[in-house]
């Protein structure tokens, strides 16, 4: 197995791939590596991590979860915000940064 520069893929000959397929696939899965398979020194295939996509319902659920978390955070901030303060949120942040 030859590891190329970081921006390039690793290369493996077909014979070596046959002997080390499990190891290479583990690296693809766990380290998200991409491998180029060669036959007689010629690139013939690429092994890369599968791209997992979310369904539209999963995206909608995730979006809803994020919006709920934002609402909860806003409620927590509101509880701690001084009702007597004349500062805007921007002014309050500026004071903390000083």
N, C-alpha and C. Protein backbone atom coordinates (compact mmCIF):
# COMPACT_ATOMS: atom_id res chain seq x y z
N UNK A 1 0.86 -1.18 0.00
CA UNK A 1 0.00 0.00 0.00
C UNK A 1 0.89 1.23 0.00
N UNK A 2 0.66 2.10 -0.92
CA UNK A 2 1.43 3.34 -1.00
C UNK A 2 0.53 4.50 -0.64
N UNK A 3 0.96 5.27 0.35
CA UNK A 3 0.20 6.47 0.75
C UNK A 3 0.82 7.66 0.05
N UNK A 4 0.01 8.38 -0.68
CA UNK A 4 0.47 9.55 -1.41
C UNK A 4 0.40 10.78 -0.51
N UNK A 5 0.69 11.94 -1.07
CA UNK A 5 0.56 13.20 -0.35
C UNK A 5 -0.87 13.33 0.16
N UNK A 6 -1.05 14.13 1.20
CA UNK A 6 -2.34 14.22 1.88
C UNK A 6 -3.50 14.53 0.95
N UNK A 7 -3.29 15.38 -0.06
CA UNK A 7 -4.39 15.77 -0.94
C UNK A 7 -4.72 14.69 -1.97
N UNK A 8 -3.83 13.72 -2.11
CA UNK A 8 -4.06 12.65 -3.08
C UNK A 8 -4.62 11.42 -2.39
N UNK A 9 -5.02 10.46 -3.20
CA UNK A 9 -5.53 9.21 -2.64
C UNK A 9 -4.39 8.23 -2.43
N UNK A 10 -4.64 7.23 -1.61
CA UNK A 10 -3.69 6.13 -1.47
C UNK A 10 -3.89 5.22 -2.66
N UNK A 11 -2.83 4.52 -3.05
CA UNK A 11 -2.93 3.59 -4.18
C UNK A 11 -2.65 2.18 -3.71
N UNK A 12 -3.34 1.24 -4.31
CA UNK A 12 -3.14 -0.16 -3.99
C UNK A 12 -3.31 -0.98 -5.26
N UNK A 13 -2.41 -1.92 -5.49
CA UNK A 13 -2.53 -2.82 -6.63
C UNK A 13 -3.62 -3.83 -6.38
N UNK A 14 -4.17 -4.36 -7.45
CA UNK A 14 -5.30 -5.29 -7.33
C UNK A 14 -4.92 -6.54 -6.52
N UNK A 15 -3.70 -7.01 -6.69
CA UNK A 15 -3.27 -8.21 -5.95
C UNK A 15 -3.19 -7.90 -4.46
N UNK A 16 -2.63 -6.74 -4.12
CA UNK A 16 -2.52 -6.35 -2.72
C UNK A 16 -3.91 -6.07 -2.13
N UNK A 17 -4.80 -5.50 -2.94
CA UNK A 17 -6.17 -5.26 -2.49
C UNK A 17 -6.84 -6.57 -2.11
N UNK A 18 -6.61 -7.59 -2.90
CA UNK A 18 -7.20 -8.90 -2.61
C UNK A 18 -6.73 -9.39 -1.23
N UNK A 19 -5.47 -9.18 -0.92
CA UNK A 19 -4.92 -9.66 0.34
C UNK A 19 -5.27 -8.77 1.54
N UNK A 20 -5.51 -7.49 1.30
CA UNK A 20 -5.72 -6.55 2.40
C UNK A 20 -7.06 -5.82 2.32
N UNK A 21 -8.02 -6.40 1.67
CA UNK A 21 -9.31 -5.73 1.46
C UNK A 21 -9.97 -5.31 2.77
N UNK A 22 -9.97 -6.17 3.75
CA UNK A 22 -10.62 -5.84 5.03
C UNK A 22 -9.95 -4.64 5.69
N UNK A 23 -8.62 -4.61 5.69
CA UNK A 23 -7.89 -3.49 6.30
C UNK A 23 -8.18 -2.19 5.57
N UNK A 24 -8.17 -2.23 4.26
CA UNK A 24 -8.40 -1.03 3.46
C UNK A 24 -9.82 -0.53 3.65
N UNK A 25 -10.79 -1.43 3.62
CA UNK A 25 -12.18 -1.01 3.81
C UNK A 25 -12.41 -0.44 5.20
N UNK A 26 -11.72 -0.96 6.20
CA UNK A 26 -11.82 -0.42 7.55
C UNK A 26 -11.31 1.02 7.58
N UNK A 27 -10.20 1.29 6.87
CA UNK A 27 -9.65 2.65 6.81
C UNK A 27 -10.60 3.59 6.06
N UNK A 28 -11.24 3.07 5.02
CA UNK A 28 -12.20 3.88 4.27
C UNK A 28 -13.37 4.25 5.18
N UNK A 29 -13.87 3.27 5.91
CA UNK A 29 -15.02 3.51 6.79
C UNK A 29 -14.67 4.41 7.97
N UNK A 30 -13.56 4.13 8.65
CA UNK A 30 -13.24 4.83 9.89
C UNK A 30 -12.49 6.14 9.69
N UNK A 31 -11.62 6.20 8.68
CA UNK A 31 -10.80 7.40 8.48
C UNK A 31 -11.23 8.19 7.25
N UNK A 32 -12.27 7.71 6.57
CA UNK A 32 -12.82 8.36 5.39
C UNK A 32 -11.75 8.55 4.31
N UNK A 33 -10.88 7.55 4.17
CA UNK A 33 -9.83 7.61 3.15
C UNK A 33 -10.40 7.21 1.79
N UNK A 34 -9.74 7.66 0.76
CA UNK A 34 -10.08 7.27 -0.60
C UNK A 34 -8.87 6.52 -1.17
N UNK A 35 -9.14 5.42 -1.84
CA UNK A 35 -8.08 4.58 -2.40
C UNK A 35 -8.28 4.43 -3.90
N UNK A 36 -7.17 4.47 -4.64
CA UNK A 36 -7.19 4.20 -6.07
C UNK A 36 -6.63 2.80 -6.28
N UNK A 37 -7.36 1.98 -6.99
CA UNK A 37 -6.93 0.61 -7.29
C UNK A 37 -6.25 0.62 -8.65
N UNK A 38 -5.08 -0.01 -8.71
CA UNK A 38 -4.34 -0.05 -9.97
C UNK A 38 -4.22 -1.49 -10.48
N UNK A 39 -4.14 -1.61 -11.78
CA UNK A 39 -3.91 -2.89 -12.45
C UNK A 39 -2.78 -2.66 -13.43
N UNK A 40 -1.68 -3.34 -13.21
CA UNK A 40 -0.47 -3.14 -14.02
C UNK A 40 -0.05 -1.67 -14.03
N UNK A 41 -0.18 -1.00 -12.87
CA UNK A 41 0.25 0.37 -12.72
C UNK A 41 -0.71 1.42 -13.26
N UNK A 42 -1.84 0.99 -13.79
CA UNK A 42 -2.82 1.90 -14.35
C UNK A 42 -4.02 2.01 -13.40
N UNK A 43 -4.45 3.24 -13.11
CA UNK A 43 -5.61 3.43 -12.25
C UNK A 43 -6.86 2.85 -12.92
N UNK A 44 -7.57 1.99 -12.17
CA UNK A 44 -8.76 1.36 -12.76
C UNK A 44 -10.03 1.55 -11.92
N UNK A 45 -9.86 1.89 -10.64
CA UNK A 45 -11.04 2.04 -9.79
C UNK A 45 -10.71 2.92 -8.59
N UNK A 46 -11.77 3.44 -7.99
CA UNK A 46 -11.62 4.24 -6.78
C UNK A 46 -12.54 3.67 -5.71
N UNK A 47 -11.98 3.51 -4.52
CA UNK A 47 -12.77 3.08 -3.35
C UNK A 47 -12.85 4.30 -2.45
N UNK A 48 -14.06 4.75 -2.19
CA UNK A 48 -14.24 5.93 -1.34
C UNK A 48 -15.43 5.71 -0.42
N UNK A 49 -15.49 6.48 0.66
CA UNK A 49 -16.61 6.33 1.60
C UNK A 49 -17.94 6.61 0.91
N UNK A 50 -18.94 5.86 1.29
CA UNK A 50 -20.29 6.10 0.77
C UNK A 50 -20.83 7.37 1.40
N UNK A 51 -21.50 8.16 0.61
CA UNK A 51 -22.11 9.39 1.11
C UNK A 51 -23.50 9.04 1.63
N UNK A 52 -23.71 9.37 2.90
CA UNK A 52 -25.01 9.09 3.48
C UNK A 52 -25.85 10.35 3.38
N UNK A 53 -27.02 10.20 2.82
CA UNK A 53 -27.90 11.35 2.69
C UNK A 53 -29.11 11.16 3.59
N UNK A 54 -29.67 12.27 4.01
CA UNK A 54 -30.86 12.23 4.84
C UNK A 54 -32.10 12.33 3.97
N UNK A 55 -33.13 11.65 4.38
CA UNK A 55 -34.40 11.76 3.67
C UNK A 55 -35.02 13.11 4.01
N UNK A 56 -35.99 13.53 3.23
CA UNK A 56 -36.62 14.83 3.48
C UNK A 56 -37.31 14.85 4.85
N UNK A 57 -37.86 13.72 5.28
CA UNK A 57 -38.49 13.70 6.61
C UNK A 57 -37.44 13.79 7.71
N UNK A 58 -36.26 13.18 7.51
CA UNK A 58 -35.19 13.30 8.50
C UNK A 58 -34.67 14.73 8.58
N UNK A 59 -34.57 15.39 7.43
CA UNK A 59 -34.15 16.79 7.41
C UNK A 59 -35.16 17.65 8.14
N UNK A 60 -36.44 17.41 7.88
CA UNK A 60 -37.50 18.17 8.54
C UNK A 60 -37.45 17.96 10.06
N UNK A 61 -37.26 16.71 10.49
CA UNK A 61 -37.17 16.41 11.92
C UNK A 61 -35.96 17.11 12.55
N UNK A 62 -34.84 17.05 11.86
CA UNK A 62 -33.62 17.68 12.37
C UNK A 62 -33.81 19.20 12.47
N UNK A 63 -34.40 19.78 11.44
CA UNK A 63 -34.65 21.22 11.45
C UNK A 63 -35.54 21.60 12.63
N UNK A 64 -36.56 20.79 12.86
CA UNK A 64 -37.47 21.06 13.99
C UNK A 64 -36.73 20.96 15.31
N UNK A 65 -35.85 19.97 15.46
CA UNK A 65 -35.05 19.83 16.68
C UNK A 65 -34.16 21.05 16.90
N UNK A 66 -33.54 21.53 15.83
CA UNK A 66 -32.66 22.70 15.94
C UNK A 66 -33.47 23.93 16.35
N UNK A 67 -34.62 24.12 15.74
CA UNK A 67 -35.45 25.28 16.09
C UNK A 67 -35.92 25.21 17.54
N UNK A 68 -36.26 24.03 18.01
CA UNK A 68 -36.66 23.88 19.42
C UNK A 68 -35.49 24.20 20.36
N UNK A 69 -34.29 23.77 19.99
CA UNK A 69 -33.11 24.07 20.81
C UNK A 69 -32.85 25.56 20.85
N UNK A 70 -33.04 26.25 19.73
CA UNK A 70 -32.87 27.70 19.68
C UNK A 70 -33.90 28.38 20.58
N UNK A 71 -35.16 27.91 20.52
CA UNK A 71 -36.20 28.47 21.38
C UNK A 71 -35.87 28.28 22.86
N UNK A 72 -35.35 27.11 23.22
CA UNK A 72 -34.98 26.84 24.61
C UNK A 72 -33.84 27.76 25.05
N UNK A 73 -32.87 27.95 24.18
CA UNK A 73 -31.76 28.84 24.49
C UNK A 73 -32.25 30.28 24.66
N UNK A 74 -33.13 30.71 23.80
CA UNK A 74 -33.69 32.06 23.91
C UNK A 74 -34.42 32.24 25.23
N UNK A 75 -35.15 31.21 25.67
CA UNK A 75 -35.87 31.28 26.94
C UNK A 75 -34.89 31.38 28.11
N UNK A 76 -33.80 30.63 28.05
CA UNK A 76 -32.79 30.68 29.11
C UNK A 76 -32.14 32.05 29.17
N UNK A 77 -31.84 32.61 28.01
CA UNK A 77 -31.24 33.95 27.98
C UNK A 77 -32.21 34.98 28.54
N UNK A 78 -33.46 34.86 28.17
CA UNK A 78 -34.48 35.81 28.65
C UNK A 78 -34.59 35.78 30.17
N UNK A 79 -34.51 34.59 30.78
CA UNK A 79 -34.61 34.47 32.23
C UNK A 79 -33.46 35.20 32.93
N UNK A 80 -32.29 35.15 32.32
CA UNK A 80 -31.11 35.76 32.94
C UNK A 80 -30.97 37.23 32.61
N UNK A 81 -31.65 37.68 31.60
CA UNK A 81 -31.57 39.07 31.16
C UNK A 81 -32.24 39.96 32.21
N UNK A 82 -31.58 40.99 32.60
CA UNK A 82 -32.12 41.88 33.62
C UNK A 82 -33.30 42.67 33.05
N UNK A 83 -34.43 42.55 33.71
CA UNK A 83 -35.63 43.25 33.26
C UNK A 83 -35.47 44.76 33.43
N UNK A 84 -34.60 45.16 34.35
CA UNK A 84 -34.40 46.58 34.62
C UNK A 84 -33.33 47.20 33.73
N UNK A 85 -32.64 46.37 32.98
CA UNK A 85 -31.53 46.88 32.18
C UNK A 85 -32.04 47.63 30.95
N UNK A 86 -31.40 48.76 30.68
CA UNK A 86 -31.72 49.52 29.48
C UNK A 86 -30.81 49.13 28.32
N UNK A 87 -29.83 48.25 28.60
CA UNK A 87 -28.90 47.84 27.56
C UNK A 87 -29.59 46.96 26.52
N UNK A 88 -29.21 47.17 25.28
CA UNK A 88 -29.64 46.25 24.23
C UNK A 88 -28.72 45.04 24.31
N UNK A 89 -29.06 44.00 23.62
CA UNK A 89 -28.21 42.80 23.63
C UNK A 89 -26.82 43.11 23.09
N UNK A 90 -26.75 43.97 22.07
CA UNK A 90 -25.46 44.34 21.49
C UNK A 90 -24.61 45.07 22.53
N UNK A 91 -25.22 46.00 23.27
CA UNK A 91 -24.50 46.75 24.29
C UNK A 91 -24.02 45.83 25.41
N UNK A 92 -24.84 44.88 25.79
CA UNK A 92 -24.46 43.93 26.84
C UNK A 92 -23.25 43.09 26.41
N UNK A 93 -23.25 42.64 25.17
CA UNK A 93 -22.13 41.86 24.67
C UNK A 93 -20.86 42.72 24.63
N UNK A 94 -21.00 43.95 24.20
CA UNK A 94 -19.83 44.84 24.15
C UNK A 94 -19.24 45.05 25.55
N UNK A 95 -20.08 45.17 26.55
CA UNK A 95 -19.59 45.35 27.92
C UNK A 95 -18.82 44.12 28.39
N UNK A 96 -19.32 42.96 28.06
CA UNK A 96 -18.65 41.73 28.47
C UNK A 96 -17.30 41.60 27.77
N UNK A 97 -17.21 42.04 26.55
CA UNK A 97 -15.95 41.92 25.78
C UNK A 97 -14.89 42.90 26.25
N UNK A 98 -15.26 43.93 26.95
CA UNK A 98 -14.28 44.93 27.41
C UNK A 98 -13.45 44.41 28.51
